[in-house]
PDB file of all heavy atoms in Angstrom:
ATOM      1  N   PRO A   1      58.518 175.530 148.256  1.00  0.00           N
ATOM      2  CA  PRO A   1      59.275 174.280 148.369  1.00  0.00           C
ATOM      3  C   PRO A   1      59.932 173.938 147.046  1.00  0.00           C
ATOM      4  O   PRO A   1      59.457 174.306 145.989  1.00  0.00           O
ATOM      5  CB  PRO A   1      58.195 173.243 148.741  1.00  0.00           C
ATOM      6  CG  PRO A   1      56.917 173.854 148.291  1.00  0.00           C
ATOM      7  CD  PRO A   1      57.088 175.329 148.416  1.00  0.00           C
ATOM      8  N   PRO A   2      61.079 173.228 147.088  1.00  0.00           N
ATOM      9  CA  PRO A   2      61.770 172.891 145.844  1.00  0.00           C
ATOM     10  C   PRO A   2      60.877 172.106 144.908  1.00  0.00           C
ATOM     11  O   PRO A   2      60.094 171.267 145.344  1.00  0.00           O
ATOM     12  CB  PRO A   2      62.966 172.059 146.309  1.00  0.00           C
ATOM     13  CG  PRO A   2      62.604 171.602 147.686  1.00  0.00           C
ATOM     14  CD  PRO A   2      61.722 172.652 148.256  1.00  0.00           C
ATOM     15  N   ALA A   3      61.032 172.441 143.649  1.00  0.00           N
ATOM     16  CA  ALA A   3      60.181 171.768 142.659  1.00  0.00           C
ATOM     17  C   ALA A   3      60.501 170.288 142.609  1.00  0.00           C
ATOM     18  O   ALA A   3      61.657 169.884 142.661  1.00  0.00           O
ATOM     19  CB  ALA A   3      60.401 172.394 141.295  1.00  0.00           C
ATOM     20  N   THR A   4      59.476 169.502 142.543  1.00  0.00           N
ATOM     21  CA  THR A   4      59.651 168.053 142.437  1.00  0.00           C
ATOM     22  C   THR A   4      59.534 167.665 140.975  1.00  0.00           C
ATOM     23  O   THR A   4      58.566 168.004 140.321  1.00  0.00           O
ATOM     24  CB  THR A   4      58.560 167.318 143.236  1.00  0.00           C
ATOM     25  OG1 THR A   4      58.621 167.766 144.580  1.00  0.00           O
ATOM     26  CG2 THR A   4      58.762 165.809 143.164  1.00  0.00           C
ATOM     27  N   PRO A   5      60.557 166.993 140.421  1.00  0.00           N
ATOM     28  CA  PRO A   5      60.454 166.643 139.004  1.00  0.00           C
ATOM     29  C   PRO A   5      59.255 165.761 138.733  1.00  0.00           C
ATOM     30  O   PRO A   5      58.942 164.870 139.512  1.00  0.00           O
ATOM     31  CB  PRO A   5      61.772 165.901 138.725  1.00  0.00           C
ATOM     32  CG  PRO A   5      62.348 165.582 140.066  1.00  0.00           C
ATOM     33  CD  PRO A   5      61.736 166.510 141.064  1.00  0.00           C
ATOM     34  N   SER A   6      58.603 166.047 137.630  1.00  0.00           N
ATOM     35  CA  SER A   6      57.419 165.265 137.300  1.00  0.00           C
ATOM     36  C   SER A   6      57.836 163.862 136.887  1.00  0.00           C
ATOM     37  O   SER A   6      58.952 163.638 136.441  1.00  0.00           O
ATOM     38  CB  SER A   6      56.645 165.932 136.160  1.00  0.00           C
ATOM     39  OG  SER A   6      57.489 166.080 135.052  1.00  0.00           O
ATOM     40  N   ASP A   7      56.906 162.949 137.033  1.00  0.00           N
ATOM     41  CA  ASP A   7      57.206 161.569 136.649  1.00  0.00           C
ATOM     42  C   ASP A   7      57.483 161.509 135.159  1.00  0.00           C
ATOM     43  O   ASP A   7      56.805 162.136 134.364  1.00  0.00           O
ATOM     44  CB  ASP A   7      56.003 160.664 136.972  1.00  0.00           C
ATOM     45  CG  ASP A   7      55.796 160.552 138.468  1.00  0.00           C
ATOM     46  OD1 ASP A   7      56.786 160.751 139.197  1.00  0.00           O
ATOM     47  OD2 ASP A   7      54.659 160.281 138.887  1.00  0.00           O
ATOM     48  N   PRO A   8      58.504 160.736 134.747  1.00  0.00           N
ATOM     49  CA  PRO A   8      58.789 160.647 133.315  1.00  0.00           C
ATOM     50  C   PRO A   8      57.654 159.984 132.565  1.00  0.00           C
ATOM     51  O   PRO A   8      56.961 159.134 133.103  1.00  0.00           O
ATOM     52  CB  PRO A   8      60.060 159.781 133.270  1.00  0.00           C
ATOM     53  CG  PRO A   8      60.047 159.024 134.561  1.00  0.00           C
ATOM     54  CD  PRO A   8      59.365 159.916 135.559  1.00  0.00           C
ATOM     55  N   GLU A   9      57.494 160.406 131.318  1.00  0.00           N
ATOM     56  CA  GLU A   9      56.459 159.811 130.487  1.00  0.00           C
ATOM     57  C   GLU A   9      56.811 158.357 130.215  1.00  0.00           C
ATOM     58  O   GLU A   9      57.963 158.025 129.975  1.00  0.00           O
ATOM     59  CB  GLU A   9      56.354 160.562 129.157  1.00  0.00           C
ATOM     60  CG  GLU A   9      55.798 161.960 129.287  1.00  0.00           C
ATOM     61  CD  GLU A   9      54.355 161.969 129.721  1.00  0.00           C
ATOM     62  OE1 GLU A   9      53.638 161.026 129.369  1.00  0.00           O
ATOM     63  OE2 GLU A   9      53.949 162.886 130.436  1.00  0.00           O
ATOM     64  N   PRO A  10      55.825 157.455 130.273  1.00  0.00           N
ATOM     65  CA  PRO A  10      56.143 156.062 129.961  1.00  0.00           C
ATOM     66  C   PRO A  10      56.567 155.907 128.516  1.00  0.00           C
ATOM     67  O   PRO A  10      56.085 156.591 127.637  1.00  0.00           O
ATOM     68  CB  PRO A  10      54.804 155.333 130.225  1.00  0.00           C
ATOM     69  CG  PRO A  10      53.769 156.394 130.109  1.00  0.00           C
ATOM     70  CD  PRO A  10      54.415 157.668 130.554  1.00  0.00           C
ATOM     71  N   THR A  11      57.545 155.007 128.306  1.00  0.00           N
ATOM     72  CA  THR A  11      57.999 154.744 126.949  1.00  0.00           C
ATOM     73  C   THR A  11      57.025 153.812 126.270  1.00  0.00           C
ATOM     74  O   THR A  11      56.746 152.736 126.770  1.00  0.00           O
ATOM     75  CB  THR A  11      59.396 154.093 126.991  1.00  0.00           C
ATOM     76  OG1 THR A  11      60.280 154.959 127.689  1.00  0.00           O
ATOM     77  CG2 THR A  11      59.905 153.833 125.578  1.00  0.00           C
ATOM     78  N   PRO A  12      56.486 154.284 125.135  1.00  0.00           N
ATOM     79  CA  PRO A  12      55.530 153.400 124.469  1.00  0.00           C
ATOM     80  C   PRO A  12      56.200 152.145 123.952  1.00  0.00           C
ATOM     81  O   PRO A  12      57.331 152.167 123.524  1.00  0.00           O
ATOM     82  CB  PRO A  12      55.016 154.273 123.311  1.00  0.00           C
ATOM     83  CG  PRO A  12      56.078 155.294 123.101  1.00  0.00           C
ATOM     84  CD  PRO A  12      56.743 155.507 124.426  1.00  0.00           C
ATOM     85  N   THR A  13      55.520 151.137 124.052  1.00  0.00           N
ATOM     86  CA  THR A  13      56.032 149.901 123.507  1.00  0.00           C
ATOM     87  C   THR A  13      55.033 149.340 122.524  1.00  0.00           C
ATOM     88  O   THR A  13      53.841 149.558 122.639  1.00  0.00           O
ATOM     89  CB  THR A  13      56.273 148.885 124.620  1.00  0.00           C
ATOM     90  OG1 THR A  13      55.072 148.685 125.344  1.00  0.00           O
ATOM     91  CG2 THR A  13      57.345 149.379 125.571  1.00  0.00           C
ATOM     92  N   GLY A  14      55.579 148.623 121.594  1.00  0.00           N
ATOM     93  CA  GLY A  14      54.738 148.033 120.607  1.00  0.00           C
ATOM     94  C   GLY A  14      54.182 146.726 121.023  1.00  0.00           C
ATOM     95  O   GLY A  14      54.357 146.297 122.155  1.00  0.00           O
ATOM     96  N   THR A  15      53.492 146.080 120.105  1.00  0.00           N
ATOM     97  CA  THR A  15      52.839 144.805 120.428  1.00  0.00           C
ATOM     98  C   THR A  15      53.827 143.795 120.947  1.00  0.00           C
ATOM     99  O   THR A  15      53.521 142.986 121.811  1.00  0.00           O
ATOM    100  CB  THR A  15      52.231 144.227 119.136  1.00  0.00           C
ATOM    101  OG1 THR A  15      51.792 145.291 118.341  1.00  0.00           O
ATOM    102  CG2 THR A  15      51.085 143.305 119.438  1.00  0.00           C
ATOM    103  N   ASP A  16      55.049 143.798 120.388  1.00  0.00           N
ATOM    104  CA  ASP A  16      56.004 142.777 120.744  1.00  0.00           C
ATOM    105  C   ASP A  16      57.106 143.327 121.617  1.00  0.00           C
ATOM    106  O   ASP A  16      58.221 142.877 121.563  1.00  0.00           O
ATOM    107  CB  ASP A  16      56.617 142.198 119.472  1.00  0.00           C
ATOM    108  CG  ASP A  16      55.815 142.574 118.265  1.00  0.00           C
ATOM    109  OD1 ASP A  16      54.822 141.974 117.986  1.00  0.00           O
ATOM    110  OD2 ASP A  16      56.170 143.496 117.603  1.00  0.00           O
ATOM    111  N   GLY A  17      56.782 144.256 122.428  1.00  0.00           N
ATOM    112  CA  GLY A  17      57.816 144.842 123.238  1.00  0.00           C
ATOM    113  C   GLY A  17      58.636 145.815 122.432  1.00  0.00           C
ATOM    114  O   GLY A  17      59.819 145.965 122.676  1.00  0.00           O
ATOM    115  N   SER A  18      57.995 146.512 121.550  1.00  0.00           N
ATOM    116  CA  SER A  18      58.686 147.380 120.696  1.00  0.00           C
ATOM    117  C   SER A  18      58.723 148.760 121.205  1.00  0.00           C
ATOM    118  O   SER A  18      58.220 149.060 122.256  1.00  0.00           O
ATOM    119  CB  SER A  18      58.095 147.405 119.323  1.00  0.00           C
ATOM    120  OG  SER A  18      56.965 148.236 119.279  1.00  0.00           O
ATOM    121  N   ASP A  19      59.275 149.725 120.361  1.00  0.00           N
ATOM    122  CA  ASP A  19      59.398 151.105 120.767  1.00  0.00           C
ATOM    123  C   ASP A  19      58.238 151.967 120.337  1.00  0.00           C
ATOM    124  O   ASP A  19      58.341 153.182 120.238  1.00  0.00           O
ATOM    125  CB  ASP A  19      60.684 151.662 120.189  1.00  0.00           C
ATOM    126  CG  ASP A  19      60.714 151.469 118.702  1.00  0.00           C
ATOM    127  OD1 ASP A  19      59.751 150.899 118.176  1.00  0.00           O
ATOM    128  OD2 ASP A  19      61.686 151.885 118.076  1.00  0.00           O
ATOM    129  N   GLY A  20      57.065 151.379 120.106  1.00  0.00           N
ATOM    130  CA  GLY A  20      55.928 152.126 119.676  1.00  0.00           C
ATOM    131  C   GLY A  20      55.666 152.102 118.218  1.00  0.00           C
ATOM    132  O   GLY A  20      54.675 152.618 117.728  1.00  0.00           O
ATOM    133  N   SER A  21      56.551 151.472 117.459  1.00  0.00           N
ATOM    134  CA  SER A  21      56.283 151.344 116.066  1.00  0.00           C
ATOM    135  C   SER A  21      55.278 150.262 115.815  1.00  0.00           C
ATOM    136  O   SER A  21      54.945 149.488 116.685  1.00  0.00           O
ATOM    137  CB  SER A  21      57.558 151.042 115.293  1.00  0.00           C
ATOM    138  OG  SER A  21      58.103 149.834 115.795  1.00  0.00           O
ATOM    139  N   ASP A  22      54.821 150.176 114.513  1.00  0.00           N
ATOM    140  CA  ASP A  22      53.761 149.231 114.214  1.00  0.00           C
ATOM    141  C   ASP A  22      54.230 147.789 114.321  1.00  0.00           C
ATOM    142  O   ASP A  22      53.475 146.910 114.701  1.00  0.00           O
ATOM    143  CB  ASP A  22      53.209 149.481 112.808  1.00  0.00           C
ATOM    144  CG  ASP A  22      52.465 150.786 112.755  1.00  0.00           C
ATOM    145  OD1 ASP A  22      52.027 151.240 113.823  1.00  0.00           O
ATOM    146  OD2 ASP A  22      52.326 151.360 111.666  1.00  0.00           O
ATOM    147  N   GLY A  23      55.484 147.522 113.914  1.00  0.00           N
ATOM    148  CA  GLY A  23      55.957 146.149 113.907  1.00  0.00           C
ATOM    149  C   GLY A  23      56.791 145.845 115.125  1.00  0.00           C
ATOM    150  O   GLY A  23      57.193 146.732 115.863  1.00  0.00           O
ATOM    151  N   PRO A  24      57.084 144.529 115.370  1.00  0.00           N
ATOM    152  CA  PRO A  24      57.899 144.162 116.505  1.00  0.00           C
ATOM    153  C   PRO A  24      59.316 144.678 116.378  1.00  0.00           C
ATOM    154  O   PRO A  24      59.887 144.675 115.296  1.00  0.00           O
ATOM    155  CB  PRO A  24      57.860 142.632 116.505  1.00  0.00           C
ATOM    156  CG  PRO A  24      57.206 142.221 115.248  1.00  0.00           C
ATOM    157  CD  PRO A  24      56.583 143.420 114.605  1.00  0.00           C
ATOM    158  N   ALA A  25      59.891 145.081 117.513  1.00  0.00           N
ATOM    159  CA  ALA A  25      61.246 145.606 117.483  1.00  0.00           C
ATOM    160  C   ALA A  25      62.260 144.517 117.192  1.00  0.00           C
ATOM    161  O   ALA A  25      63.328 144.791 116.662  1.00  0.00           O
ATOM    162  CB  ALA A  25      61.568 146.280 118.811  1.00  0.00           C
ATOM    163  N   ASP A  26      61.990 143.246 117.553  1.00  0.00           N
ATOM    164  CA  ASP A  26      62.952 142.166 117.379  1.00  0.00           C
ATOM    165  C   ASP A  26      62.521 141.210 116.275  1.00  0.00           C
ATOM    166  O   ASP A  26      62.784 140.014 116.346  1.00  0.00           O
ATOM    167  CB  ASP A  26      63.133 141.415 118.696  1.00  0.00           C
ATOM    168  CG  ASP A  26      61.812 140.872 119.234  1.00  0.00           C
ATOM    169  OD1 ASP A  26      60.761 141.239 118.678  1.00  0.00           O
ATOM    170  OD2 ASP A  26      61.841 140.082 120.204  1.00  0.00           O
ATOM    171  N   ASP A  27      61.877 141.701 115.238  1.00  0.00           N
ATOM    172  CA  ASP A  27      61.409 140.877 114.137  1.00  0.00           C
ATOM    173  C   ASP A  27      62.611 140.361 113.345  1.00  0.00           C
ATOM    174  O   ASP A  27      63.297 141.127 112.666  1.00  0.00           O
ATOM    175  CB  ASP A  27      60.484 141.707 113.240  1.00  0.00           C
ATOM    176  CG  ASP A  27      60.005 140.936 112.015  1.00  0.00           C
ATOM    177  OD1 ASP A  27      60.311 139.737 111.903  1.00  0.00           O
ATOM    178  OD2 ASP A  27      59.312 141.548 111.171  1.00  0.00           O
ATOM    179  N   PRO A  28      62.895 139.058 113.406  1.00  0.00           N
ATOM    180  CA  PRO A  28      64.063 138.541 112.684  1.00  0.00           C
ATOM    181  C   PRO A  28      63.851 138.477 111.176  1.00  0.00           C
ATOM    182  O   PRO A  28      64.801 138.227 110.430  1.00  0.00           O
ATOM    183  CB  PRO A  28      64.232 137.136 113.272  1.00  0.00           C
ATOM    184  CG  PRO A  28      62.864 136.732 113.689  1.00  0.00           C
ATOM    185  CD  PRO A  28      62.176 137.994 114.136  1.00  0.00           C
ATOM    186  N   LEU A  29      62.612 138.695 110.736  1.00  0.00           N
ATOM    187  CA  LEU A  29      62.314 138.634 109.309  1.00  0.00           C
ATOM    188  C   LEU A  29      62.223 140.016 108.667  1.00  0.00           C
ATOM    189  O   LEU A  29      61.930 140.127 107.475  1.00  0.00           O
ATOM    190  CB  LEU A  29      60.987 137.892 109.085  1.00  0.00           C
ATOM    191  CG  LEU A  29      60.863 136.509 109.744  1.00  0.00           C
ATOM    192  CD1 LEU A  29      59.507 135.888 109.423  1.00  0.00           C
ATOM    193  CD2 LEU A  29      61.990 135.590 109.299  1.00  0.00           C
ATOM    194  N   ALA A  30      62.467 141.064 109.455  1.00  0.00           N
ATOM    195  CA  ALA A  30      62.251 142.434 108.970  1.00  0.00           C
ATOM    196  C   ALA A  30      63.098 142.748 107.737  1.00  0.00           C
ATOM    197  O   ALA A  30      62.674 143.506 106.861  1.00  0.00           O
ATOM    198  CB  ALA A  30      62.539 143.428 110.085  1.00  0.00           C
ATOM    199  N   ALA A  31      64.299 142.186 107.665  1.00  0.00           N
ATOM    200  CA  ALA A  31      65.184 142.509 106.551  1.00  0.00           C
ATOM    201  C   ALA A  31      64.899 141.688 105.302  1.00  0.00           C
ATOM    202  O   ALA A  31      65.494 141.940 104.249  1.00  0.00           O
ATOM    203  CB  ALA A  31      66.640 142.314 106.975  1.00  0.00           C
ATOM    204  N   LEU A  32      64.015 140.714 105.396  1.00  0.00           N
ATOM    205  CA  LEU A  32      63.754 139.831 104.255  1.00  0.00           C
ATOM    206  C   LEU A  32      62.695 140.419 103.328  1.00  0.00           C
ATOM    207  O   LEU A  32      61.681 140.936 103.780  1.00  0.00           O
ATOM    208  CB  LEU A  32      63.297 138.455 104.741  1.00  0.00           C
ATOM    209  CG  LEU A  32      64.327 137.596 105.473  1.00  0.00           C
ATOM    210  CD1 LEU A  32      63.691 136.266 105.888  1.00  0.00           C
ATOM    211  CD2 LEU A  32      65.544 137.350 104.586  1.00  0.00           C
ATOM    212  N   ASP A  33      62.939 140.303 102.043  1.00  0.00           N
ATOM    213  CA  ASP A  33      61.960 140.649 101.021  1.00  0.00           C
ATOM    214  C   ASP A  33      61.327 139.337 100.555  1.00  0.00           C
ATOM    215  O   ASP A  33      62.035 138.477  99.999  1.00  0.00           O
ATOM    216  CB  ASP A  33      62.648 141.352  99.854  1.00  0.00           C
ATOM    217  CG  ASP A  33      61.698 141.680  98.706  1.00  0.00           C
ATOM    218  OD1 ASP A  33      60.507 141.284  98.770  1.00  0.00           O
ATOM    219  OD2 ASP A  33      62.164 142.310  97.735  1.00  0.00           O
ATOM    220  N   PRO A  34      60.041 139.125 100.783  1.00  0.00           N
ATOM    221  CA  PRO A  34      59.454 137.835 100.412  1.00  0.00           C
ATOM    222  C   PRO A  34      59.559 137.527  98.925  1.00  0.00           C
ATOM    223  O   PRO A  34      59.541 136.354  98.535  1.00  0.00           O
ATOM    224  CB  PRO A  34      57.992 137.964 100.866  1.00  0.00           C
ATOM    225  CG  PRO A  34      57.740 139.424 100.993  1.00  0.00           C
ATOM    226  CD  PRO A  34      59.047 140.034 101.372  1.00  0.00           C
ATOM    227  N   CYS A  35      59.696 138.550  98.102  1.00  0.00           N
ATOM    228  CA  CYS A  35      59.817 138.324  96.660  1.00  0.00           C
ATOM    229  C   CYS A  35      61.261 138.071  96.219  1.00  0.00           C
ATOM    230  O   CYS A  35      61.516 137.849  95.024  1.00  0.00           O
ATOM    231  CB  CYS A  35      59.252 139.515  95.889  1.00  0.00           C
ATOM    232  SG  CYS A  35      57.446 139.649  95.977  1.00  0.00           S
ATOM    233  N   ALA A  36      62.208 138.121  97.161  1.00  0.00           N
ATOM    234  CA  ALA A  36      63.615 137.896  96.811  1.00  0.00           C
ATOM    235  C   ALA A  36      64.180 136.649  97.484  1.00  0.00           C
ATOM    236  O   ALA A  36      65.382 136.399  97.394  1.00  0.00           O
ATOM    237  CB  ALA A  36      64.439 139.123  97.198  1.00  0.00           C
ATOM    238  N   MET A  37      63.341 135.872  98.147  1.00  0.00           N
ATOM    239  CA  MET A  37      63.844 134.704  98.877  1.00  0.00           C
ATOM    240  C   MET A  37      64.142 133.523  97.957  1.00  0.00           C
ATOM    241  O   MET A  37      64.946 132.653  98.295  1.00  0.00           O
ATOM    242  CB  MET A  37      62.834 134.298  99.952  1.00  0.00           C
ATOM    243  CG  MET A  37      62.645 135.362 101.028  1.00  0.00           C
ATOM    244  SD  MET A  37      61.495 134.872 102.333  1.00  0.00           S
ATOM    245  CE  MET A  37      62.447 133.581 103.150  1.00  0.00           C
ATOM    246  N   VAL A  38      63.491 133.471  96.822  1.00  0.00           N
ATOM    247  CA  VAL A  38      63.748 132.424  95.831  1.00  0.00           C
ATOM    248  C   VAL A  38      64.246 133.108  94.557  1.00  0.00           C
ATOM    249  O   VAL A  38      63.589 134.018  94.037  1.00  0.00           O
ATOM    250  CB  VAL A  38      62.476 131.597  95.543  1.00  0.00           C
ATOM    251  CG1 VAL A  38      62.791 130.488  94.539  1.00  0.00           C
ATOM    252  CG2 VAL A  38      61.914 131.006  96.829  1.00  0.00           C
TER     253      VAL A  38
END
């Protein structure tokens, strides 16, 4: 019988709906350096 494609691997998500990285994907503070804010 024709091969049935296997189910795709689930995409890992991070704590905040991320792509599996440690930090949130939509972190609005990611670009900020806390030592450069003042």
